[in-house]
Structures are given as C-alpha cells and as structure tokens.
Amino acid sequence: MLGEEVTVMQNAYIVTGTLTDERTVTLDEALSLPLTKVRLIVEPIATPAHRSHMEVMEEIRKRQRARGHKPRTREEVDASLQEERDSWDE
C-alpha cells in the first residue's frame, strides 16, 4: 500500500453474488456505477441446508403454535365455502 493514493470512499454498495470460478463473481443485482475498477471484499455466506417439505411445514406449524394461532375448524371452513358458493347466485 506504500505509494498508493488513499481516497475516501464516497459510496459503498453491499450486494450478494455467486463466485462462478476463481476470478468471476456474478452479482445478484446490477450496480449503478460506470464501468470502472472497484475494490471487492469477499465474505463467504453459508447457504442454508436443504429442508424437506415436511420439515418446512412443521417449522411453520411450530411458529403458529408459539404465537397462539388457532386454525379454523372443518365446520368453519365448510360454512365459509358454502357462504361463498351461495353468493354466486346473487
């Protein structure tokens, strides 16, 4: 860094992307910058483990229970459907 001119960073962009080979990063969104040399700091992001449909649904149900969500009963759903169907004739 000796001999390099140090300038103050005016704008910084934080954008995620994918390292596609040893020298290429494909950004997830475009930057509104002119074509110029940029400084890049690379921080690997851990990708979440793949979860099955059943695991995702169980997580959703667990969060619903935690916040006190009570799903509609079969009778409530049937009544709502019948009410909707009855409105079609009007």
Protein backbone atom coordinates (compact mmCIF):
# COMPACT_ATOMS: atom_id res chain seq x y z
CA MET A 1 0.00 0.00 0.00
CA LEU A 2 3.02 2.28 0.18
CA GLY A 3 2.96 4.82 -2.59
CA GLU A 4 -0.76 4.33 -3.26
CA GLU A 5 -3.00 7.34 -3.12
CA VAL A 6 -5.63 6.89 -0.42
CA THR A 7 -9.06 8.30 -1.18
CA VAL A 8 -12.18 8.49 0.93
CA MET A 9 -14.91 6.08 -0.10
CA GLN A 10 -17.91 8.16 -1.17
CA ASN A 11 -20.39 5.37 -1.87
CA ALA A 12 -20.29 1.78 -0.76
CA TYR A 13 -22.54 -0.96 -2.10
CA ILE A 14 -23.30 -4.20 -0.33
CA VAL A 15 -24.50 -6.75 -2.84
CA THR A 16 -24.55 -10.52 -2.73
CA GLY A 17 -23.38 -12.64 -5.60
CA THR A 18 -22.06 -16.02 -6.61
CA LEU A 19 -18.45 -16.94 -7.19
CA THR A 20 -18.67 -18.78 -10.52
CA ASP A 21 -14.97 -19.56 -10.88
CA GLU A 22 -11.71 -18.50 -9.24
CA ARG A 23 -11.90 -14.99 -10.77
CA THR A 24 -15.54 -14.24 -11.57
CA VAL A 25 -18.36 -13.03 -9.32
CA THR A 26 -21.89 -12.75 -10.70
CA LEU A 27 -23.79 -10.14 -8.70
CA ASP A 28 -27.41 -10.73 -7.69
CA GLU A 29 -28.33 -7.20 -8.75
CA ALA A 30 -26.89 -4.57 -11.03
CA LEU A 31 -24.92 -1.63 -9.65
CA SER A 32 -25.48 1.89 -10.88
CA LEU A 33 -21.80 2.54 -11.44
CA PRO A 34 -19.84 3.38 -14.57
CA LEU A 35 -17.57 0.66 -15.87
CA THR A 36 -14.54 1.22 -13.66
CA LYS A 37 -12.17 -0.61 -11.39
CA VAL A 38 -13.67 -1.43 -7.97
CA ARG A 39 -12.48 -2.85 -4.68
CA LEU A 40 -14.15 -6.11 -3.71
CA ILE A 41 -14.20 -7.66 -0.25
CA VAL A 42 -15.33 -11.29 -0.38
CA GLU A 43 -17.15 -12.81 2.58
CA PRO A 44 -18.47 -16.34 2.07
CA ILE A 45 -22.13 -16.76 3.02
CA ALA A 46 -23.19 -20.11 4.38
CA THR A 47 -26.07 -21.49 2.39
CA PRO A 48 -28.90 -22.97 4.43
CA ALA A 49 -29.23 -26.72 4.37
CA HIS A 50 -31.95 -28.07 2.09
CA ARG A 51 -35.06 -28.93 4.08
CA SER A 52 -37.83 -31.23 3.01
CA HIS A 53 -41.40 -30.05 2.50
CA MET A 54 -42.42 -31.77 5.72
CA GLU A 55 -39.65 -30.06 7.71
CA VAL A 56 -40.71 -26.64 6.40
CA MET A 57 -44.38 -27.31 7.18
CA GLU A 58 -43.51 -28.47 10.71
CA GLU A 59 -41.49 -25.28 11.27
CA ILE A 60 -44.47 -23.18 10.10
CA ARG A 61 -46.84 -25.06 12.42
CA LYS A 62 -44.40 -24.71 15.33
CA ARG A 63 -44.25 -20.92 14.84
CA GLN A 64 -48.04 -20.74 14.55
CA ARG A 65 -48.46 -22.64 17.83
CA ALA A 66 -45.89 -20.38 19.53
CA ARG A 67 -47.89 -17.26 18.63
CA GLY A 68 -51.21 -18.85 19.63
CA HIS A 69 -52.62 -19.33 16.13
CA LYS A 70 -55.75 -21.47 16.09
CA PRO A 71 -56.64 -22.85 12.66
CA ARG A 72 -60.26 -22.79 11.55
CA THR A 73 -62.27 -25.91 12.24
CA ARG A 74 -63.61 -28.05 9.42
CA GLU A 75 -67.07 -26.71 10.16
CA GLU A 76 -65.86 -23.09 9.88
CA VAL A 77 -64.17 -23.81 6.56
CA ASP A 78 -67.25 -25.61 5.22
CA ALA A 79 -69.51 -22.75 6.30
CA SER A 80 -67.22 -20.20 4.64
CA LEU A 81 -67.17 -22.20 1.41
CA GLN A 82 -70.95 -22.55 1.43
CA GLU A 83 -71.37 -18.82 2.06
CA GLU A 84 -69.11 -18.08 -0.92
CA ARG A 85 -71.00 -20.51 -3.15
CA ASP A 86 -74.33 -19.05 -2.09
CA SER A 87 -73.13 -15.57 -3.12
CA TRP A 88 -72.57 -16.74 -6.71
CA ASP A 89 -76.29 -16.83 -7.41
CA GLU A 90 -76.82 -13.21 -6.38
